[in-house]
Amino acid sequence: MESVRVAGLADRLRTGLADADSTASVAATLRARRWNRFVELFPDIAEMRVIDLGGTAAYWAAAPVRPARVVLVNLQAQASDEAWITSYVGDVCDPPEAVRAERFDVVYSNSVIEHVGGHANRERMAEMVHGLGDRHWVQTPYRYFPIEPHWLFPGFQFLPTTLRARVARSWPLAWSRPPDRRTSVSNAMGVELLDRTQMTYYFPGSTLLTERVGGLVKSLIAVR
């Protein structure tokens, strides 16, 4: 019974903090604020062609904005009945040739660059961002926000790998539990949060915007 109560409390906390589909959550509030900011910077978005590196069809179908066209590049196939959404299966660091041959009005990416696997791949992704269009919006969680956003564990990003793997398997607020220790280690090593210096390095000449929660910087957005 106690474990059921703990699980229920964890579900409520997780939803209240990080479920962007729950209108009352912190994540949903931040997402709505982010969209407002995006529209302010790209007021002609309804007429623009957007490529989203790492995005999903569900994300855009639920978005309060609708570009003229959205092209997705994702490791997972994206099913959509929307005629204005086109999806490609591929690596954001090395998109399919059909994507690389195009130019877009806006290159968009939301919470992806921290997942691509190390500095070399982040450089490759940044090169794709610069190469696919003149303007971009690239958002990533800030490394020094005290609560790590993927596991909702304070200071998770600063722990040794072995402790991060242990938290990944046991922390009740995590969205999913890895089935074994090896997967836990892989998941823990698969996320590398970025700081201001890194984002400025990857996107020189871009404006670096911040999102704040309780006065603390939660996310960074490179915009040009």
C-alpha atoms as a PDB file:
ATOM      1  CA  MET A   1       0.000   0.000   0.000  1.00  0.00           C
ATOM      2  CA  GLU A   2       2.811   2.389   0.877  1.00  0.00           C
ATOM      3  CA  SER A   3       4.493   1.784  -2.471  1.00  0.00           C
ATOM      4  CA  VAL A   4       1.196   2.588  -4.240  1.00  0.00           C
ATOM      5  CA  ARG A   5       0.913   5.882  -2.350  1.00  0.00           C
ATOM      6  CA  VAL A   6       4.526   6.786  -3.188  1.00  0.00           C
ATOM      7  CA  ALA A   7       3.943   5.939  -6.854  1.00  0.00           C
ATOM      8  CA  GLY A   8       0.798   8.071  -6.922  1.00  0.00           C
ATOM      9  CA  LEU A   9       2.582  11.012  -5.336  1.00  0.00           C
ATOM     10  CA  ALA A  10       5.447  10.648  -7.821  1.00  0.00           C
ATOM     11  CA  ASP A  11       2.993  10.672 -10.722  1.00  0.00           C
ATOM     12  CA  ARG A  12       1.340  13.853  -9.438  1.00  0.00           C
ATOM     13  CA  LEU A  13       4.668  15.600  -8.889  1.00  0.00           C
ATOM     14  CA  ARG A  14       5.980  14.513 -12.284  1.00  0.00           C
ATOM     15  CA  THR A  15       2.832  15.739 -14.025  1.00  0.00           C
ATOM     16  CA  GLY A  16       2.828  19.018 -12.122  1.00  0.00           C
ATOM     17  CA  LEU A  17       6.446  19.728 -12.953  1.00  0.00           C
ATOM     18  CA  ALA A  18       7.240  18.311 -16.357  1.00  0.00           C
ATOM     19  CA  ASP A  19       4.158  17.144 -18.241  1.00  0.00           C
ATOM     20  CA  ALA A  20       3.797  19.701 -21.037  1.00  0.00           C
ATOM     21  CA  ASP A  21       0.412  18.163 -21.936  1.00  0.00           C
ATOM     22  CA  SER A  22      -0.974  19.146 -18.540  1.00  0.00           C
ATOM     23  CA  THR A  23      -2.081  22.776 -18.790  1.00  0.00           C
ATOM     24  CA  ALA A  24      -1.402  23.316 -15.072  1.00  0.00           C
ATOM     25  CA  SER A  25       2.195  22.083 -15.167  1.00  0.00           C
ATOM     26  CA  VAL A  26       5.343  24.180 -14.979  1.00  0.00           C
ATOM     27  CA  ALA A  27       6.452  22.669 -18.292  1.00  0.00           C
ATOM     28  CA  ALA A  28       3.220  23.686 -20.038  1.00  0.00           C
ATOM     29  CA  THR A  29       3.518  27.237 -18.715  1.00  0.00           C
ATOM     30  CA  LEU A  30       7.077  27.467 -19.984  1.00  0.00           C
ATOM     31  CA  ARG A  31       6.131  26.002 -23.356  1.00  0.00           C
ATOM     32  CA  ALA A  32       3.301  28.537 -23.810  1.00  0.00           C
ATOM     33  CA  ARG A  33       5.663  31.357 -22.874  1.00  0.00           C
ATOM     34  CA  ARG A  34       8.264  29.976 -25.301  1.00  0.00           C
ATOM     35  CA  TRP A  35       5.773  29.878 -28.169  1.00  0.00           C
ATOM     36  CA  ASN A  36       4.784  33.492 -27.490  1.00  0.00           C
ATOM     37  CA  ARG A  37       8.413  34.490 -27.627  1.00  0.00           C
ATOM     38  CA  PHE A  38       8.954  32.498 -30.800  1.00  0.00           C
ATOM     39  CA  VAL A  39       6.064  34.257 -32.556  1.00  0.00           C
ATOM     40  CA  GLU A  40       7.378  37.647 -31.470  1.00  0.00           C
ATOM     41  CA  LEU A  41      10.718  36.859 -33.109  1.00  0.00           C
ATOM     42  CA  PHE A  42       9.227  35.167 -36.180  1.00  0.00           C
ATOM     43  CA  PRO A  43       5.950  37.036 -36.792  1.00  0.00           C
ATOM     44  CA  ASP A  44       5.643  35.678 -40.350  1.00  0.00           C
ATOM     45  CA  ILE A  45       5.849  32.052 -39.203  1.00  0.00           C
ATOM     46  CA  ALA A  46       2.574  31.167 -40.961  1.00  0.00           C
ATOM     47  CA  GLU A  47       4.313  31.834 -44.279  1.00  0.00           C
ATOM     48  CA  MET A  48       7.624  30.150 -43.419  1.00  0.00           C
ATOM     49  CA  ARG A  49       9.168  26.788 -44.188  1.00  0.00           C
ATOM     50  CA  VAL A  50      10.572  25.254 -41.011  1.00  0.00           C
ATOM     51  CA  ILE A  51      12.883  22.310 -40.489  1.00  0.00           C
ATOM     52  CA  ASP A  52      12.763  20.796 -37.027  1.00  0.00           C
ATOM     53  CA  LEU A  53      15.848  18.776 -36.134  1.00  0.00           C
ATOM     54  CA  GLY A  54      14.702  16.083 -33.727  1.00  0.00           C
ATOM     55  CA  GLY A  55      11.078  17.186 -33.580  1.00  0.00           C
ATOM     56  CA  THR A  56       7.880  15.163 -33.691  1.00  0.00           C
ATOM     57  CA  ALA A  57       4.658  15.411 -35.663  1.00  0.00           C
ATOM     58  CA  ALA A  58       2.622  15.404 -32.439  1.00  0.00           C
ATOM     59  CA  TYR A  59       4.557  18.417 -31.147  1.00  0.00           C
ATOM     60  CA  TRP A  60       3.712  20.521 -34.204  1.00  0.00           C
ATOM     61  CA  ALA A  61       0.143  19.257 -34.517  1.00  0.00           C
ATOM     62  CA  ALA A  62      -0.472  20.510 -30.955  1.00  0.00           C
ATOM     63  CA  ALA A  63       1.442  23.763 -31.409  1.00  0.00           C
ATOM     64  CA  PRO A  64      -0.427  27.096 -31.349  1.00  0.00           C
ATOM     65  CA  VAL A  65       1.389  28.105 -34.556  1.00  0.00           C
ATOM     66  CA  ARG A  66       1.223  26.532 -38.000  1.00  0.00           C
ATOM     67  CA  PRO A  67       4.033  27.252 -40.452  1.00  0.00           C
ATOM     68  CA  ALA A  68       3.418  26.914 -44.178  1.00  0.00           C
ATOM     69  CA  ARG A  69       5.510  23.742 -44.071  1.00  0.00           C
ATOM     70  CA  VAL A  70       7.351  21.743 -41.419  1.00  0.00           C
ATOM     71  CA  VAL A  71      10.002  19.159 -42.243  1.00  0.00           C
ATOM     72  CA  LEU A  72      11.008  16.781 -39.446  1.00  0.00           C
ATOM     73  CA  VAL A  73      14.229  14.821 -39.029  1.00  0.00           C
ATOM     74  CA  ASN A  74      13.988  12.221 -36.286  1.00  0.00           C
ATOM     75  CA  LEU A  75      15.509   8.823 -35.550  1.00  0.00           C
ATOM     76  CA  GLN A  76      11.945   7.522 -35.189  1.00  0.00           C
ATOM     77  CA  ALA A  77       9.376   7.556 -38.002  1.00  0.00           C
ATOM     78  CA  GLN A  78       6.710  10.225 -37.477  1.00  0.00           C
ATOM     79  CA  ALA A  79       3.180   9.462 -38.626  1.00  0.00           C
ATOM     80  CA  SER A  80       1.008  12.453 -39.493  1.00  0.00           C
ATOM     81  CA  ASP A  81      -2.146  13.150 -41.486  1.00  0.00           C
ATOM     82  CA  GLU A  82      -1.188  16.811 -41.778  1.00  0.00           C
ATOM     83  CA  ALA A  83      -0.314  17.723 -45.362  1.00  0.00           C
ATOM     84  CA  TRP A  84       1.975  20.534 -44.167  1.00  0.00           C
ATOM     85  CA  ILE A  85       4.202  18.136 -42.171  1.00  0.00           C
ATOM     86  CA  THR A  86       6.854  16.029 -43.918  1.00  0.00           C
ATOM     87  CA  SER A  87       8.934  13.543 -41.954  1.00  0.00           C
ATOM     88  CA  TYR A  88      12.308  11.949 -42.619  1.00  0.00           C
ATOM     89  CA  VAL A  89      13.976   9.237 -40.577  1.00  0.00           C
ATOM     90  CA  GLY A  90      17.554  10.294 -39.997  1.00  0.00           C
ATOM     91  CA  ASP A  91      20.312  11.655 -37.791  1.00  0.00           C
ATOM     92  CA  VAL A  92      20.102  15.382 -37.036  1.00  0.00           C
ATOM     93  CA  CYS A  93      23.895  15.541 -37.329  1.00  0.00           C
ATOM     94  CA  ASP A  94      23.752  13.998 -40.799  1.00  0.00           C
ATOM     95  CA  PRO A  95      20.278  14.443 -42.307  1.00  0.00           C
ATOM     96  CA  PRO A  96      19.165  12.676 -45.495  1.00  0.00           C
ATOM     97  CA  GLU A  97      20.379  14.181 -48.751  1.00  0.00           C
ATOM     98  CA  ALA A  98      16.844  15.268 -49.657  1.00  0.00           C
ATOM     99  CA  VAL A  99      16.876  17.503 -46.569  1.00  0.00           C
ATOM    100  CA  ARG A 100      20.409  18.793 -47.037  1.00  0.00           C
ATOM    101  CA  ALA A 101      19.561  19.895 -50.565  1.00  0.00           C
ATOM    102  CA  GLU A 102      16.937  22.356 -49.291  1.00  0.00           C
ATOM    103  CA  ARG A 103      17.087  25.734 -47.601  1.00  0.00           C
ATOM    104  CA  PHE A 104      14.578  26.705 -44.937  1.00  0.00           C
ATOM    105  CA  ASP A 105      13.301  29.955 -43.484  1.00  0.00           C
ATOM    106  CA  VAL A 106      13.838  28.748 -39.909  1.00  0.00           C
ATOM    107  CA  VAL A 107      15.878  25.874 -38.480  1.00  0.00           C
ATOM    108  CA  TYR A 108      14.209  24.801 -35.248  1.00  0.00           C
ATOM    109  CA  SER A 109      15.313  22.424 -32.508  1.00  0.00           C
ATOM    110  CA  ASN A 110      13.896  21.877 -29.043  1.00  0.00           C
ATOM    111  CA  SER A 111      15.855  19.992 -26.343  1.00  0.00           C
ATOM    112  CA  VAL A 112      17.858  17.864 -28.790  1.00  0.00           C
ATOM    113  CA  ILE A 113      21.452  19.088 -28.926  1.00  0.00           C
ATOM    114  CA  GLU A 114      22.136  17.758 -25.407  1.00  0.00           C
ATOM    115  CA  HIS A 115      21.294  14.225 -26.649  1.00  0.00           C
ATOM    116  CA  VAL A 116      23.444  13.893 -29.780  1.00  0.00           C
ATOM    117  CA  GLY A 117      26.512  12.455 -28.044  1.00  0.00           C
ATOM    118  CA  GLY A 118      29.566  14.562 -27.316  1.00  0.00           C
ATOM    119  CA  HIS A 119      31.271  17.694 -28.574  1.00  0.00           C
ATOM    120  CA  ALA A 120      32.042  16.395 -32.076  1.00  0.00           C
ATOM    121  CA  ASN A 121      28.397  15.548 -32.756  1.00  0.00           C
ATOM    122  CA  ARG A 122      27.196  18.815 -31.277  1.00  0.00           C
ATOM    123  CA  GLU A 123      29.518  20.626 -33.695  1.00  0.00           C
ATOM    124  CA  ARG A 124      28.101  18.608 -36.581  1.00  0.00           C
ATOM    125  CA  MET A 125      24.551  19.423 -35.548  1.00  0.00           C
ATOM    126  CA  ALA A 126      25.414  23.124 -35.238  1.00  0.00           C
ATOM    127  CA  GLU A 127      26.912  23.005 -38.732  1.00  0.00           C
ATOM    128  CA  MET A 128      23.620  21.565 -40.004  1.00  0.00           C
ATOM    129  CA  VAL A 129      21.698  24.347 -38.269  1.00  0.00           C
ATOM    130  CA  HIS A 130      23.872  26.981 -39.954  1.00  0.00           C
ATOM    131  CA  GLY A 131      23.833  25.196 -43.297  1.00  0.00           C
ATOM    132  CA  LEU A 132      20.092  24.596 -43.634  1.00  0.00           C
ATOM    133  CA  GLY A 133      18.939  28.179 -43.181  1.00  0.00           C
ATOM    134  CA  ASP A 134      19.919  31.724 -42.282  1.00  0.00           C
ATOM    135  CA  ARG A 135      17.693  31.895 -39.210  1.00  0.00           C
ATOM    136  CA  HIS A 136      17.352  29.501 -36.302  1.00  0.00           C
ATOM    137  CA  TRP A 137      15.878  28.784 -32.882  1.00  0.00           C
ATOM    138  CA  VAL A 138      17.783  26.149 -30.881  1.00  0.00           C
ATOM    139  CA  GLN A 139      16.679  25.526 -27.300  1.00  0.00           C
ATOM    140  CA  THR A 140      18.396  23.376 -24.681  1.00  0.00           C
ATOM    141  CA  PRO A 141      18.085  22.940 -20.889  1.00  0.00           C
ATOM    142  CA  TYR A 142      20.689  24.917 -18.947  1.00  0.00           C
ATOM    143  CA  ARG A 143      23.363  22.853 -17.242  1.00  0.00           C
ATOM    144  CA  TYR A 144      23.358  24.849 -14.006  1.00  0.00           C
ATOM    145  CA  PHE A 145      19.639  24.831 -13.276  1.00  0.00           C
ATOM    146  CA  PRO A 146      19.499  22.901  -9.989  1.00  0.00           C
ATOM    147  CA  ILE A 147      16.933  20.260 -11.078  1.00  0.00           C
ATOM    148  CA  GLU A 148      17.954  18.116 -14.030  1.00  0.00           C
ATOM    149  CA  PRO A 149      14.930  18.107 -16.380  1.00  0.00           C
ATOM    150  CA  HIS A 150      15.067  14.532 -17.688  1.00  0.00           C
ATOM    151  CA  TRP A 151      15.143  12.786 -14.316  1.00  0.00           C
ATOM    152  CA  LEU A 152      13.815  15.646 -12.161  1.00  0.00           C
ATOM    153  CA  PHE A 153      16.593  14.950  -9.679  1.00  0.00           C
ATOM    154  CA  PRO A 154      18.528  17.824  -8.025  1.00  0.00           C
ATOM    155  CA  GLY A 155      22.116  18.018  -9.243  1.00  0.00           C
ATOM    156  CA  PHE A 156      21.838  14.820 -11.294  1.00  0.00           C
ATOM    157  CA  GLN A 157      24.137  16.226 -14.003  1.00  0.00           C
ATOM    158  CA  PHE A 158      27.002  16.685 -11.525  1.00  0.00           C
ATOM    159  CA  LEU A 159      27.005  13.168 -10.082  1.00  0.00           C
ATOM    160  CA  PRO A 160      29.510  10.448 -11.054  1.00  0.00           C
ATOM    161  CA  THR A 161      28.201   8.132 -13.758  1.00  0.00           C
ATOM    162  CA  THR A 162      27.670   5.230 -11.365  1.00  0.00           C
ATOM    163  CA  LEU A 163      25.426   7.347  -9.132  1.00  0.00           C
ATOM    164  CA  ARG A 164      23.528   8.778 -12.106  1.00  0.00           C
ATOM    165  CA  ALA A 165      22.870   5.229 -13.299  1.00  0.00           C
ATOM    166  CA  ARG A 166      21.609   4.277  -9.849  1.00  0.00           C
ATOM    167  CA  VAL A 167      19.291   7.287  -9.728  1.00  0.00           C
ATOM    168  CA  ALA A 168      18.026   6.532 -13.233  1.00  0.00           C
ATOM    169  CA  ARG A 169      16.871   3.099 -12.069  1.00  0.00           C
ATOM    170  CA  SER A 170      15.408   4.043  -8.713  1.00  0.00           C
ATOM    171  CA  TRP A 171      14.288   7.698  -8.654  1.00  0.00           C
ATOM    172  CA  PRO A 172      10.452   7.702  -8.607  1.00  0.00           C
ATOM    173  CA  LEU A 173      10.090  10.973 -10.564  1.00  0.00           C
ATOM    174  CA  ALA A 174      11.942   9.651 -13.616  1.00  0.00           C
ATOM    175  CA  TRP A 175       9.654   9.202 -16.638  1.00  0.00           C
ATOM    176  CA  SER A 176      10.815   5.633 -17.258  1.00  0.00           C
ATOM    177  CA  ARG A 177      12.919   3.016 -15.485  1.00  0.00           C
ATOM    178  CA  PRO A 178      15.764   1.337 -17.415  1.00  0.00           C
ATOM    179  CA  PRO A 179      15.450  -2.460 -17.317  1.00  0.00           C
ATOM    180  CA  ASP A 180      19.051  -3.089 -16.242  1.00  0.00           C
ATOM    181  CA  ARG A 181      22.221  -1.393 -15.066  1.00  0.00           C
ATOM    182  CA  ARG A 182      23.848  -1.307 -18.498  1.00  0.00           C
ATOM    183  CA  THR A 183      20.879   0.583 -19.948  1.00  0.00           C
ATOM    184  CA  SER A 184      20.929   2.905 -16.935  1.00  0.00           C
ATOM    185  CA  VAL A 185      24.576   3.759 -17.566  1.00  0.00           C
ATOM    186  CA  SER A 186      23.875   4.320 -21.267  1.00  0.00           C
ATOM    187  CA  ASN A 187      20.919   6.602 -20.519  1.00  0.00           C
ATOM    188  CA  ALA A 188      22.903   8.584 -17.980  1.00  0.00           C
ATOM    189  CA  MET A 189      25.782   9.097 -20.392  1.00  0.00           C
ATOM    190  CA  GLY A 190      23.421   9.957 -23.248  1.00  0.00           C
ATOM    191  CA  VAL A 191      22.508  13.382 -21.874  1.00  0.00           C
ATOM    192  CA  GLU A 192      25.050  16.200 -21.586  1.00  0.00           C
ATOM    193  CA  LEU A 193      23.539  19.514 -20.558  1.00  0.00           C
ATOM    194  CA  LEU A 194      25.151  22.639 -22.003  1.00  0.00           C
ATOM    195  CA  ASP A 195      26.194  25.962 -20.510  1.00  0.00           C
ATOM    196  CA  ARG A 196      26.392  29.480 -21.961  1.00  0.00           C
ATOM    197  CA  THR A 197      29.981  29.149 -23.169  1.00  0.00           C
ATOM    198  CA  GLN A 198      29.199  25.997 -25.114  1.00  0.00           C
ATOM    199  CA  MET A 199      26.074  27.423 -26.753  1.00  0.00           C
ATOM    200  CA  THR A 200      27.946  30.592 -27.697  1.00  0.00           C
ATOM    201  CA  TYR A 201      30.701  28.454 -29.211  1.00  0.00           C
ATOM    202  CA  TYR A 202      28.284  26.388 -31.308  1.00  0.00           C
ATOM    203  CA  PHE A 203      26.208  29.386 -32.371  1.00  0.00           C
ATOM    204  CA  PRO A 204      28.543  32.392 -32.682  1.00  0.00           C
ATOM    205  CA  GLY A 205      26.782  35.541 -33.754  1.00  0.00           C
ATOM    206  CA  SER A 206      23.438  34.309 -32.433  1.00  0.00           C
ATOM    207  CA  THR A 207      21.534  35.989 -29.628  1.00  0.00           C
ATOM    208  CA  LEU A 208      21.461  33.792 -26.521  1.00  0.00           C
ATOM    209  CA  LEU A 209      18.086  34.080 -24.809  1.00  0.00           C
ATOM    210  CA  THR A 210      17.262  32.642 -21.398  1.00  0.00           C
ATOM    211  CA  GLU A 211      14.167  31.117 -19.834  1.00  0.00           C
ATOM    212  CA  ARG A 212      13.855  31.495 -16.082  1.00  0.00           C
ATOM    213  CA  VAL A 213      11.988  29.729 -13.301  1.00  0.00           C
ATOM    214  CA  GLY A 214      12.010  31.320  -9.875  1.00  0.00           C
ATOM    215  CA  GLY A 215      14.634  33.768 -11.084  1.00  0.00           C
ATOM    216  CA  LEU A 216      17.008  30.984 -12.127  1.00  0.00           C
ATOM    217  CA  VAL A 217      17.971  30.257 -15.724  1.00  0.00           C
ATOM    218  CA  LYS A 218      16.298  26.995 -16.787  1.00  0.00           C
ATOM    219  CA  SER A 219      16.909  26.961 -20.557  1.00  0.00           C
ATOM    220  CA  LEU A 220      19.081  28.612 -23.189  1.00  0.00           C
ATOM    221  CA  ILE A 221      17.899  29.513 -26.699  1.00  0.00           C
ATOM    222  CA  ALA A 222      20.243  30.437 -29.533  1.00  0.00           C
ATOM    223  CA  VAL A 223      18.344  32.680 -31.959  1.00  0.00           C
ATOM    224  CA  ARG A 224      19.309  34.322 -35.213  1.00  0.00           C
END
